[in-house]
Amino acid sequence: MFEDSQILAMVKYDENGPGTPGSVQHSIFTLNGQVFMAIDVNGDEELPMNSAMSLYVTVKNSLEMERLFNGLKKEGAILMPKTEMPHFREFAWVQDKFGVSFQLALPEK
């Protein structure tokens, strides 16, 4: 869905744990050329997904905003519809079908 995106590094748990073998322990990746890092929270307590954590992604133009917004909201939810805000031509907050929240931002020129 995101262009200029790739997994840069990924470490998975092995048979020695502490997580489920084959599940991701740590990952570094890019979305639209921006670098992100994700780390597993391994413990006895389950932490539910919530909108307190979101990925902030800058988009290049209105067409890309529309494509990403529509793709992410499919089977997901709109947390904040596309709108103008100070310093942004367009801004939106959407949750994908997996519960991951994205803030999509098209800055002013």
PDB file of N, CA and C in Angstrom:
ATOM      1  N   MET A   1       0.821  -1.180   0.000  1.00  0.00           N
ATOM      2  CA  MET A   1       0.000   0.000   0.000  1.00  0.00           C
ATOM      3  C   MET A   1       0.873   1.255   0.000  1.00  0.00           C
ATOM      4  N   PHE A   2       1.877   1.316   0.871  1.00  0.00           N
ATOM      5  CA  PHE A   2       2.772   2.471   0.926  1.00  0.00           C
ATOM      6  C   PHE A   2       3.915   2.279  -0.068  1.00  0.00           C
ATOM      7  N   GLU A   3       4.178   3.305  -0.868  1.00  0.00           N
ATOM      8  CA  GLU A   3       5.303   3.242  -1.797  1.00  0.00           C
ATOM      9  C   GLU A   3       6.592   3.522  -1.027  1.00  0.00           C
ATOM     10  N   ASP A   4       7.729   3.233  -1.642  1.00  0.00           N
ATOM     11  CA  ASP A   4       9.041   3.460  -1.037  1.00  0.00           C
ATOM     12  C   ASP A   4       9.073   2.895   0.380  1.00  0.00           C
ATOM     13  N   SER A   5       8.642   1.634   0.511  1.00  0.00           N
ATOM     14  CA  SER A   5       8.553   0.980   1.811  1.00  0.00           C
ATOM     15  C   SER A   5       9.249  -0.370   1.753  1.00  0.00           C
ATOM     16  N   GLN A   6       9.917  -0.704   2.859  1.00  0.00           N
ATOM     17  CA  GLN A   6      10.614  -1.986   2.919  1.00  0.00           C
ATOM     18  C   GLN A   6      10.933  -2.362   4.359  1.00  0.00           C
ATOM     19  N   ILE A   7      11.191  -3.636   4.567  1.00  0.00           N
ATOM     20  CA  ILE A   7      11.664  -4.117   5.862  1.00  0.00           C
ATOM     21  C   ILE A   7      13.176  -4.038   5.827  1.00  0.00           C
ATOM     22  N   LEU A   8      13.756  -3.268   6.744  1.00  0.00           N
ATOM     23  CA  LEU A   8      15.211  -3.103   6.796  1.00  0.00           C
ATOM     24  C   LEU A   8      15.876  -4.163   7.655  1.00  0.00           C
ATOM     25  N   ALA A   9      15.227  -4.544   8.740  1.00  0.00           N
ATOM     26  CA  ALA A   9      15.775  -5.574   9.635  1.00  0.00           C
ATOM     27  C   ALA A   9      14.619  -6.225  10.383  1.00  0.00           C
ATOM     28  N   MET A  10      14.780  -7.521  10.669  1.00  0.00           N
ATOM     29  CA  MET A  10      13.751  -8.226  11.428  1.00  0.00           C
ATOM     30  C   MET A  10      14.410  -9.342  12.224  1.00  0.00           C
ATOM     31  N   VAL A  11      14.095  -9.396  13.503  1.00  0.00           N
ATOM     32  CA  VAL A  11      14.577 -10.461  14.385  1.00  0.00           C
ATOM     33  C   VAL A  11      13.359 -11.218  14.876  1.00  0.00           C
ATOM     34  N   LYS A  12      13.396 -12.532  14.738  1.00  0.00           N
ATOM     35  CA  LYS A  12      12.284 -13.370  15.195  1.00  0.00           C
ATOM     36  C   LYS A  12      12.726 -14.219  16.379  1.00  0.00           C
ATOM     37  N   TYR A  13      11.760 -14.574  17.216  1.00  0.00           N
ATOM     38  CA  TYR A  13      12.043 -15.468  18.336  1.00  0.00           C
ATOM     39  C   TYR A  13      12.371 -16.853  17.800  1.00  0.00           C
ATOM     40  N   ASP A  14      13.274 -17.549  18.505  1.00  0.00           N
ATOM     41  CA  ASP A  14      13.578 -18.929  18.152  1.00  0.00           C
ATOM     42  C   ASP A  14      12.985 -19.855  19.222  1.00  0.00           C
ATOM     43  N   GLU A  15      13.382 -21.103  19.212  1.00  0.00           N
ATOM     44  CA  GLU A  15      12.843 -22.094  20.144  1.00  0.00           C
ATOM     45  C   GLU A  15      13.179 -21.772  21.604  1.00  0.00           C
ATOM     46  N   ASN A  16      14.187 -20.925  21.826  1.00  0.00           N
ATOM     47  CA  ASN A  16      14.598 -20.585  23.191  1.00  0.00           C
ATOM     48  C   ASN A  16      13.755 -19.457  23.792  1.00  0.00           C
ATOM     49  N   GLY A  17      12.804 -18.926  23.003  1.00  0.00           N
ATOM     50  CA  GLY A  17      11.870 -17.919  23.515  1.00  0.00           C
ATOM     51  C   GLY A  17      12.496 -16.565  23.720  1.00  0.00           C
ATOM     52  N   PRO A  18      11.919 -15.729  24.503  1.00  0.00           N
ATOM     53  CA  PRO A  18      10.758 -15.991  25.355  1.00  0.00           C
ATOM     54  C   PRO A  18       9.430 -15.921  24.607  1.00  0.00           C
ATOM     55  N   GLY A  19       9.415 -15.440  23.366  1.00  0.00           N
ATOM     56  CA  GLY A  19       8.177 -15.364  22.592  1.00  0.00           C
ATOM     57  C   GLY A  19       7.925 -16.632  21.811  1.00  0.00           C
ATOM     58  N   THR A  20       6.820 -16.660  21.105  1.00  0.00           N
ATOM     59  CA  THR A  20       6.456 -17.797  20.265  1.00  0.00           C
ATOM     60  C   THR A  20       7.467 -17.922  19.127  1.00  0.00           C
ATOM     61  N   PRO A  21       8.061 -19.100  18.942  1.00  0.00           N
ATOM     62  CA  PRO A  21       9.029 -19.263  17.856  1.00  0.00           C
ATOM     63  C   PRO A  21       8.464 -18.814  16.513  1.00  0.00           C
ATOM     64  N   GLY A  22       9.237 -17.997  15.798  1.00  0.00           N
ATOM     65  CA  GLY A  22       8.832 -17.490  14.494  1.00  0.00           C
ATOM     66  C   GLY A  22       8.118 -16.160  14.538  1.00  0.00           C
ATOM     67  N   SER A  23       7.658 -15.738  15.722  1.00  0.00           N
ATOM     68  CA  SER A  23       6.996 -14.430  15.807  1.00  0.00           C
ATOM     69  C   SER A  23       8.055 -13.328  15.871  1.00  0.00           C
ATOM     70  N   VAL A  24       7.679 -12.122  15.481  1.00  0.00           N
ATOM     71  CA  VAL A  24       8.626 -11.015  15.369  1.00  0.00           C
ATOM     72  C   VAL A  24       8.922 -10.415  16.740  1.00  0.00           C
ATOM     73  N   GLN A  25      10.200 -10.340  17.055  1.00  0.00           N
ATOM     74  CA  GLN A  25      10.653  -9.725  18.293  1.00  0.00           C
ATOM     75  C   GLN A  25      10.951  -8.243  18.082  1.00  0.00           C
ATOM     76  N   HIS A  26      11.562  -7.915  16.929  1.00  0.00           N
ATOM     77  CA  HIS A  26      12.015  -6.549  16.665  1.00  0.00           C
ATOM     78  C   HIS A  26      12.085  -6.359  15.157  1.00  0.00           C
ATOM     79  N   SER A  27      11.662  -5.184  14.688  1.00  0.00           N
ATOM     80  CA  SER A  27      11.692  -4.919  13.254  1.00  0.00           C
ATOM     81  C   SER A  27      11.958  -3.433  13.007  1.00  0.00           C
ATOM     82  N   ILE A  28      12.702  -3.139  11.953  1.00  0.00           N
ATOM     83  CA  ILE A  28      12.919  -1.778  11.476  1.00  0.00           C
ATOM     84  C   ILE A  28      12.445  -1.759  10.029  1.00  0.00           C
ATOM     85  N   PHE A  29      11.597  -0.791   9.705  1.00  0.00           N
ATOM     86  CA  PHE A  29      10.996  -0.753   8.369  1.00  0.00           C
ATOM     87  C   PHE A  29      10.763   0.690   7.950  1.00  0.00           C
ATOM     88  N   THR A  30      10.478   0.884   6.658  1.00  0.00           N
ATOM     89  CA  THR A  30      10.150   2.216   6.150  1.00  0.00           C
ATOM     90  C   THR A  30       8.752   2.199   5.544  1.00  0.00           C
ATOM     91  N   LEU A  31       8.058   3.326   5.685  1.00  0.00           N
ATOM     92  CA  LEU A  31       6.784   3.592   5.013  1.00  0.00           C
ATOM     93  C   LEU A  31       6.941   4.952   4.365  1.00  0.00           C
ATOM     94  N   ASN A  32       6.778   5.028   3.057  1.00  0.00           N
ATOM     95  CA  ASN A  32       6.976   6.286   2.322  1.00  0.00           C
ATOM     96  C   ASN A  32       8.348   6.888   2.597  1.00  0.00           C
ATOM     97  N   GLY A  33       9.341   6.044   2.774  1.00  0.00           N
ATOM     98  CA  GLY A  33      10.703   6.507   3.005  1.00  0.00           C
ATOM     99  C   GLY A  33      10.989   6.930   4.433  1.00  0.00           C
ATOM    100  N   GLN A  34       9.999   6.891   5.325  1.00  0.00           N
ATOM    101  CA  GLN A  34      10.200   7.248   6.722  1.00  0.00           C
ATOM    102  C   GLN A  34      10.518   5.984   7.520  1.00  0.00           C
ATOM    103  N   VAL A  35      11.496   6.069   8.418  1.00  0.00           N
ATOM    104  CA  VAL A  35      11.935   4.910   9.187  1.00  0.00           C
ATOM    105  C   VAL A  35      11.112   4.760  10.465  1.00  0.00           C
ATOM    106  N   PHE A  36      10.691   3.519  10.727  1.00  0.00           N
ATOM    107  CA  PHE A  36       9.952   3.160  11.934  1.00  0.00           C
ATOM    108  C   PHE A  36      10.605   1.939  12.575  1.00  0.00           C
ATOM    109  N   MET A  37      10.378   1.771  13.873  1.00  0.00           N
ATOM    110  CA  MET A  37      10.865   0.596  14.573  1.00  0.00           C
ATOM    111  C   MET A  37       9.712   0.037  15.396  1.00  0.00           C
ATOM    112  N   ALA A  38       9.579  -1.272  15.424  1.00  0.00           N
ATOM    113  CA  ALA A  38       8.553  -1.935  16.222  1.00  0.00           C
ATOM    114  C   ALA A  38       9.229  -2.999  17.077  1.00  0.00           C
ATOM    115  N   ILE A  39       8.846  -3.041  18.347  1.00  0.00           N
ATOM    116  CA  ILE A  39       9.417  -4.005  19.289  1.00  0.00           C
ATOM    117  C   ILE A  39       8.274  -4.730  19.978  1.00  0.00           C
ATOM    118  N   ASP A  40       8.360  -6.049  20.046  1.00  0.00           N
ATOM    119  CA  ASP A  40       7.347  -6.856  20.699  1.00  0.00           C
ATOM    120  C   ASP A  40       7.360  -6.613  22.203  1.00  0.00           C
ATOM    121  N   VAL A  41       6.182  -6.580  22.799  1.00  0.00           N
ATOM    122  CA  VAL A  41       6.065  -6.529  24.246  1.00  0.00           C
ATOM    123  C   VAL A  41       5.778  -7.954  24.681  1.00  0.00           C
ATOM    124  N   ASN A  42       6.804  -8.622  25.150  1.00  0.00           N
ATOM    125  CA  ASN A  42       6.637 -10.010  25.547  1.00  0.00           C
ATOM    126  C   ASN A  42       6.504 -10.073  27.056  1.00  0.00           C
ATOM    127  N   GLY A  43       5.408 -10.571  27.498  1.00  0.00           N
ATOM    128  CA  GLY A  43       5.163 -10.689  28.922  1.00  0.00           C
ATOM    129  C   GLY A  43       3.858 -11.414  29.152  1.00  0.00           C
ATOM    130  N   ASP A  44       3.488 -11.495  30.409  1.00  0.00           N
ATOM    131  CA  ASP A  44       2.269 -12.204  30.763  1.00  0.00           C
ATOM    132  C   ASP A  44       1.019 -11.364  30.521  1.00  0.00           C
ATOM    133  N   GLU A  45       1.182 -10.050  30.447  1.00  0.00           N
ATOM    134  CA  GLU A  45       0.023  -9.174  30.303  1.00  0.00           C
ATOM    135  C   GLU A  45      -0.218  -8.835  28.836  1.00  0.00           C
ATOM    136  N   GLU A  46      -1.448  -9.033  28.396  1.00  0.00           N
ATOM    137  CA  GLU A  46      -1.837  -8.696  27.021  1.00  0.00           C
ATOM    138  C   GLU A  46      -2.113  -7.196  26.937  1.00  0.00           C
ATOM    139  N   LEU A  47      -1.490  -6.524  25.963  1.00  0.00           N
ATOM    140  CA  LEU A  47      -1.720  -5.099  25.770  1.00  0.00           C
ATOM    141  C   LEU A  47      -2.549  -4.913  24.511  1.00  0.00           C
ATOM    142  N   PRO A  48      -3.793  -4.475  24.649  1.00  0.00           N
ATOM    143  CA  PRO A  48      -4.654  -4.319  23.466  1.00  0.00           C
ATOM    144  C   PRO A  48      -4.206  -3.132  22.616  1.00  0.00           C
ATOM    145  N   MET A  49      -4.470  -3.224  21.312  1.00  0.00           N
ATOM    146  CA  MET A  49      -4.201  -2.114  20.411  1.00  0.00           C
ATOM    147  C   MET A  49      -5.125  -0.968  20.792  1.00  0.00           C
ATOM    148  N   ASN A  50      -4.617   0.267  20.703  1.00  0.00           N
ATOM    149  CA  ASN A  50      -5.467   1.433  20.945  1.00  0.00           C
ATOM    150  C   ASN A  50      -4.899   2.609  20.173  1.00  0.00           C
ATOM    151  N   SER A  51      -5.677   3.679  20.089  1.00  0.00           N
ATOM    152  CA  SER A  51      -5.269   4.816  19.269  1.00  0.00           C
ATOM    153  C   SER A  51      -4.239   5.716  19.955  1.00  0.00           C
ATOM    154  N   ALA A  52      -3.788   5.332  21.147  1.00  0.00           N
ATOM    155  CA  ALA A  52      -2.732   6.104  21.801  1.00  0.00           C
ATOM    156  C   ALA A  52      -1.420   5.993  21.021  1.00  0.00           C
ATOM    157  N   MET A  53      -1.293   4.953  20.221  1.00  0.00           N
ATOM    158  CA  MET A  53      -0.116   4.767  19.379  1.00  0.00           C
ATOM    159  C   MET A  53      -0.571   4.856  17.933  1.00  0.00           C
ATOM    160  N   SER A  54       0.095   5.700  17.164  1.00  0.00           N
ATOM    161  CA  SER A  54      -0.219   5.772  15.745  1.00  0.00           C
ATOM    162  C   SER A  54       1.060   6.059  14.969  1.00  0.00           C
ATOM    163  N   LEU A  55       1.049   5.688  13.710  1.00  0.00           N
ATOM    164  CA  LEU A  55       2.179   5.948  12.822  1.00  0.00           C
ATOM    165  C   LEU A  55       1.874   7.221  12.036  1.00  0.00           C
ATOM    166  N   TYR A  56       2.744   8.195  12.140  1.00  0.00           N
ATOM    167  CA  TYR A  56       2.596   9.468  11.444  1.00  0.00           C
ATOM    168  C   TYR A  56       3.328   9.357  10.114  1.00  0.00           C
ATOM    169  N   VAL A  57       2.594   9.475   9.008  1.00  0.00           N
ATOM    170  CA  VAL A  57       3.175   9.299   7.680  1.00  0.00           C
ATOM    171  C   VAL A  57       2.884  10.538   6.834  1.00  0.00           C
ATOM    172  N   THR A  58       3.929  11.156   6.310  1.00  0.00           N
ATOM    173  CA  THR A  58       3.792  12.294   5.410  1.00  0.00           C
ATOM    174  C   THR A  58       3.544  11.776   4.001  1.00  0.00           C
ATOM    175  N   VAL A  59       2.536  12.316   3.332  1.00  0.00           N
ATOM    176  CA  VAL A  59       2.224  11.925   1.961  1.00  0.00           C
ATOM    177  C   VAL A  59       2.657  13.024   0.999  1.00  0.00           C
ATOM    178  N   LYS A  60       2.829  12.647  -0.286  1.00  0.00           N
ATOM    179  CA  LYS A  60       3.389  13.567  -1.281  1.00  0.00           C
ATOM    180  C   LYS A  60       2.358  14.507  -1.896  1.00  0.00           C
ATOM    181  N   ASN A  61       1.114  14.017  -2.084  1.00  0.00           N
ATOM    182  CA  ASN A  61       0.110  14.818  -2.774  1.00  0.00           C
ATOM    183  C   ASN A  61      -1.293  14.326  -2.427  1.00  0.00           C
ATOM    184  N   SER A  62      -2.305  15.016  -2.950  1.00  0.00           N
ATOM    185  CA  SER A  62      -3.702  14.673  -2.655  1.00  0.00           C
ATOM    186  C   SER A  62      -4.084  13.296  -3.184  1.00  0.00           C
ATOM    187  N   LEU A  63      -3.531  12.905  -4.320  1.00  0.00           N
ATOM    188  CA  LEU A  63      -3.833  11.578  -4.868  1.00  0.00           C
ATOM    189  C   LEU A  63      -3.330  10.471  -3.951  1.00  0.00           C
ATOM    190  N   GLU A  64      -2.123  10.644  -3.442  1.00  0.00           N
ATOM    191  CA  GLU A  64      -1.587   9.650  -2.516  1.00  0.00           C
ATOM    192  C   GLU A  64      -2.392   9.640  -1.220  1.00  0.00           C
ATOM    193  N   MET A  65      -2.783  10.796  -0.732  1.00  0.00           N
ATOM    194  CA  MET A  65      -3.618  10.874   0.470  1.00  0.00           C
ATOM    195  C   MET A  65      -4.910  10.087   0.264  1.00  0.00           C
ATOM    196  N   GLU A  66      -5.567  10.316  -0.857  1.00  0.00           N
ATOM    197  CA  GLU A  66      -6.835   9.641  -1.152  1.00  0.00           C
ATOM    198  C   GLU A  66      -6.652   8.126  -1.224  1.00  0.00           C
ATOM    199  N   ARG A  67      -5.605   7.683  -1.921  1.00  0.00           N
ATOM    200  CA  ARG A  67      -5.350   6.245  -2.087  1.00  0.00           C
ATOM    201  C   ARG A  67      -5.079   5.578  -0.740  1.00  0.00           C
ATOM    202  N   LEU A  68      -4.211   6.189   0.076  1.00  0.00           N
ATOM    203  CA  LEU A  68      -3.882   5.596   1.373  1.00  0.00           C
ATOM    204  C   LEU A  68      -5.066   5.646   2.334  1.00  0.00           C
ATOM    205  N   PHE A  69      -5.750   6.772   2.380  1.00  0.00           N
ATOM    206  CA  PHE A  69      -6.914   6.919   3.247  1.00  0.00           C
ATOM    207  C   PHE A  69      -7.964   5.851   2.932  1.00  0.00           C
ATOM    208  N   ASN A  70      -8.307   5.717   1.652  1.00  0.00           N
ATOM    209  CA  ASN A  70      -9.317   4.733   1.243  1.00  0.00           C
ATOM    210  C   ASN A  70      -8.852   3.298   1.488  1.00  0.00           C
ATOM    211  N   GLY A  71      -7.588   3.026   1.236  1.00  0.00           N
ATOM    212  CA  GLY A  71      -7.079   1.675   1.449  1.00  0.00           C
ATOM    213  C   GLY A  71      -7.027   1.287   2.914  1.00  0.00           C
ATOM    214  N   LEU A  72      -6.598   2.205   3.772  1.00  0.00           N
ATOM    215  CA  LEU A  72      -6.478   1.904   5.197  1.00  0.00           C
ATOM    216  C   LEU A  72      -7.840   1.806   5.882  1.00  0.00           C
ATOM    217  N   LYS A  73      -8.790   2.621   5.483  1.00  0.00           N
ATOM    218  CA  LYS A  73     -10.110   2.603   6.138  1.00  0.00           C
ATOM    219  C   LYS A  73     -10.930   1.373   5.748  1.00  0.00           C
ATOM    220  N   LYS A  74     -10.568   0.727   4.640  1.00  0.00           N
ATOM    221  CA  LYS A  74     -11.294  -0.462   4.203  1.00  0.00           C
ATOM    222  C   LYS A  74     -11.167  -1.533   5.286  1.00  0.00           C
ATOM    223  N   GLU A  75     -12.277  -1.965   5.814  1.00  0.00           N
ATOM    224  CA  GLU A  75     -12.357  -2.916   6.919  1.00  0.00           C
ATOM    225  C   GLU A  75     -11.764  -2.342   8.209  1.00  0.00           C
ATOM    226  N   GLY A  76     -11.469  -1.049   8.231  1.00  0.00           N
ATOM    227  CA  GLY A  76     -10.934  -0.380   9.409  1.00  0.00           C
ATOM    228  C   GLY A  76     -11.914   0.661   9.900  1.00  0.00           C
ATOM    229  N   ALA A  77     -11.385   1.813  10.320  1.00  0.00           N
ATOM    230  CA  ALA A  77     -12.247   2.868  10.850  1.00  0.00           C
ATOM    231  C   ALA A  77     -11.611   4.228  10.625  1.00  0.00           C
ATOM    232  N   ILE A  78     -12.445   5.222  10.412  1.00  0.00           N
ATOM    233  CA  ILE A  78     -11.979   6.605  10.314  1.00  0.00           C
ATOM    234  C   ILE A  78     -12.010   7.197  11.719  1.00  0.00           C
ATOM    235  N   LEU A  79     -10.856   7.572  12.241  1.00  0.00           N
ATOM    236  CA  LEU A  79     -10.780   8.177  13.562  1.00  0.00           C
ATOM    237  C   LEU A  79     -10.924   9.694  13.475  1.00  0.00           C
ATOM    238  N   MET A  80     -10.482  10.257  12.353  1.00  0.00           N
ATOM    239  CA  MET A  80     -10.663  11.680  12.072  1.00  0.00           C
ATOM    240  C   MET A  80     -10.721  11.828  10.557  1.00  0.00           C
ATOM    241  N   PRO A  81     -11.826  12.348  10.019  1.00  0.00           N
ATOM    242  CA  PRO A  81     -11.925  12.470   8.556  1.00  0.00           C
ATOM    243  C   PRO A  81     -10.886  13.440   8.004  1.00  0.00           C
ATOM    244  N   LYS A  82     -10.638  13.324   6.709  1.00  0.00           N
ATOM    245  CA  LYS A  82      -9.697  14.246   6.066  1.00  0.00           C
ATOM    246  C   LYS A  82     -10.161  15.675   6.267  1.00  0.00           C
ATOM    247  N   THR A  83      -9.225  16.535   6.638  1.00  0.00           N
ATOM    248  CA  THR A  83      -9.558  17.926   6.914  1.00  0.00           C
ATOM    249  C   THR A  83      -8.330  18.802   6.703  1.00  0.00           C
ATOM    250  N   GLU A  84      -8.551  20.096   6.587  1.00  0.00           N
ATOM    251  CA  GLU A  84      -7.446  21.056   6.592  1.00  0.00           C
ATOM    252  C   GLU A  84      -7.134  21.390   8.037  1.00  0.00           C
ATOM    253  N   MET A  85      -5.870  21.594   8.307  1.00  0.00           N
ATOM    254  CA  MET A  85      -5.428  22.001   9.637  1.00  0.00           C
ATOM    255  C   MET A  85      -4.293  22.991   9.462  1.00  0.00           C
ATOM    256  N   PRO A  86      -3.969  23.759  10.496  1.00  0.00           N
ATOM    257  CA  PRO A  86      -2.797  24.635  10.380  1.00  0.00           C
ATOM    258  C   PRO A  86      -1.564  23.815   9.986  1.00  0.00           C
ATOM    259  N   HIS A  87      -0.856  24.279   8.984  1.00  0.00           N
ATOM    260  CA  HIS A  87       0.376  23.676   8.464  1.00  0.00           C
ATOM    261  C   HIS A  87       0.138  22.448   7.576  1.00  0.00           C
ATOM    262  N   PHE A  88      -1.127  22.061   7.365  1.00  0.00           N
ATOM    263  CA  PHE A  88      -1.429  20.899   6.535  1.00  0.00           C
ATOM    264  C   PHE A  88      -2.527  21.233   5.539  1.00  0.00           C
ATOM    265  N   ARG A  89      -2.310  20.860   4.276  1.00  0.00           N
ATOM    266  CA  ARG A  89      -3.383  20.970   3.283  1.00  0.00           C
ATOM    267  C   ARG A  89      -4.447  19.923   3.562  1.00  0.00           C
ATOM    268  N   GLU A  90      -3.999  18.723   3.950  1.00  0.00           N
ATOM    269  CA  GLU A  90      -4.908  17.640   4.322  1.00  0.00           C
ATOM    270  C   GLU A  90      -4.295  16.868   5.479  1.00  0.00           C
ATOM    271  N   PHE A  91      -5.156  16.420   6.377  1.00  0.00           N
ATOM    272  CA  PHE A  91      -4.726  15.602   7.499  1.00  0.00           C
ATOM    273  C   PHE A  91      -5.851  14.625   7.812  1.00  0.00           C
ATOM    274  N   ALA A  92      -5.508  13.385   8.118  1.00  0.00           N
ATOM    275  CA  ALA A  92      -6.513  12.375   8.464  1.00  0.00           C
ATOM    276  C   ALA A  92      -5.919  11.381   9.453  1.00  0.00           C
ATOM    277  N   TRP A  93      -6.792  10.769  10.205  1.00  0.00           N
ATOM    278  CA  TRP A  93      -6.380   9.740  11.164  1.00  0.00           C
ATOM    279  C   TRP A  93      -7.278   8.545  10.920  1.00  0.00           C
ATOM    280  N   VAL A  94      -6.686   7.416  10.570  1.00  0.00           N
ATOM    281  CA  VAL A  94      -7.465   6.238  10.190  1.00  0.00           C
ATOM    282  C   VAL A  94      -6.843   4.993  10.816  1.00  0.00           C
ATOM    283  N   GLN A  95      -7.691   4.030  11.113  1.00  0.00           N
ATOM    284  CA  GLN A  95      -7.246   2.767  11.694  1.00  0.00           C
ATOM    285  C   GLN A  95      -7.452   1.667  10.666  1.00  0.00           C
ATOM    286  N   ASP A  96      -6.429   0.845  10.454  1.00  0.00           N
ATOM    287  CA  ASP A  96      -6.566  -0.226   9.466  1.00  0.00           C
ATOM    288  C   ASP A  96      -7.292  -1.430  10.064  1.00  0.00           C
ATOM    289  N   LYS A  97      -7.475  -2.449   9.257  1.00  0.00           N
ATOM    290  CA  LYS A  97      -8.238  -3.630   9.683  1.00  0.00           C
ATOM    291  C   LYS A  97      -7.552  -4.416  10.794  1.00  0.00           C
ATOM    292  N   PHE A  98      -6.266  -4.140  11.056  1.00  0.00           N
ATOM    293  CA  PHE A  98      -5.546  -4.828  12.120  1.00  0.00           C
ATOM    294  C   PHE A  98      -5.543  -4.032  13.429  1.00  0.00           C
ATOM    295  N   GLY A  99      -6.129  -2.827  13.405  1.00  0.00           N
ATOM    296  CA  GLY A  99      -6.169  -1.995  14.598  1.00  0.00           C
ATOM    297  C   GLY A  99      -5.019  -1.016  14.710  1.00  0.00           C
ATOM    298  N   VAL A 100      -4.174  -0.923  13.679  1.00  0.00           N
ATOM    299  CA  VAL A 100      -3.056   0.023  13.682  1.00  0.00           C
ATOM    300  C   VAL A 100      -3.559   1.383  13.214  1.00  0.00           C
ATOM    301  N   SER A 101      -3.239   2.430  13.973  1.00  0.00           N
ATOM    302  CA  SER A 101      -3.675   3.786  13.633  1.00  0.00           C
ATOM    303  C   SER A 101      -2.599   4.512  12.833  1.00  0.00           C
ATOM    304  N   PHE A 102      -3.046   5.245  11.814  1.00  0.00           N
ATOM    305  CA  PHE A 102      -2.158   6.024  10.962  1.00  0.00           C
ATOM    306  C   PHE A 102      -2.634   7.462  10.924  1.00  0.00           C
ATOM    307  N   GLN A 103      -1.720   8.398  11.130  1.00  0.00           N
ATOM    308  CA  GLN A 103      -1.995   9.810  10.896  1.00  0.00           C
ATOM    309  C   GLN A 103      -1.353  10.142   9.551  1.00  0.00           C
ATOM    310  N   LEU A 104      -2.175  10.494   8.588  1.00  0.00           N
ATOM    311  CA  LEU A 104      -1.707  10.816   7.250  1.00  0.00           C
ATOM    312  C   LEU A 104      -1.668  12.329   7.113  1.00  0.00           C
ATOM    313  N   ALA A 105      -0.531  12.862   6.691  1.00  0.00           N
ATOM    314  CA  ALA A 105      -0.360  14.325   6.658  1.00  0.00           C
ATOM    315  C   ALA A 105       0.181  14.769   5.306  1.00  0.00           C
ATOM    316  N   LEU A 106      -0.527  15.725   4.701  1.00  0.00           N
ATOM    317  CA  LEU A 106      -0.059  16.392   3.486  1.00  0.00           C
ATOM    318  C   LEU A 106       0.277  17.820   3.892  1.00  0.00           C
ATOM    319  N   PRO A 107       1.566  18.128   4.090  1.00  0.00           N
ATOM    320  CA  PRO A 107       1.966  19.465   4.556  1.00  0.00           C
ATOM    321  C   PRO A 107       1.654  20.545   3.521  1.00  0.00           C
ATOM    322  N   GLU A 108       1.555  21.783   4.022  1.00  0.00           N
ATOM    323  CA  GLU A 108       1.437  22.925   3.115  1.00  0.00           C
ATOM    324  C   GLU A 108       2.709  22.997   2.288  1.00  0.00           C
ATOM    325  N   LYS A 109       2.602  23.594   1.125  1.00  0.00           N
ATOM    326  CA  LYS A 109       3.813  23.745   0.282  1.00  0.00           C
ATOM    327  C   LYS A 109       4.744  24.746   0.851  1.00  0.00           C
TER     328      LYS A 109
END
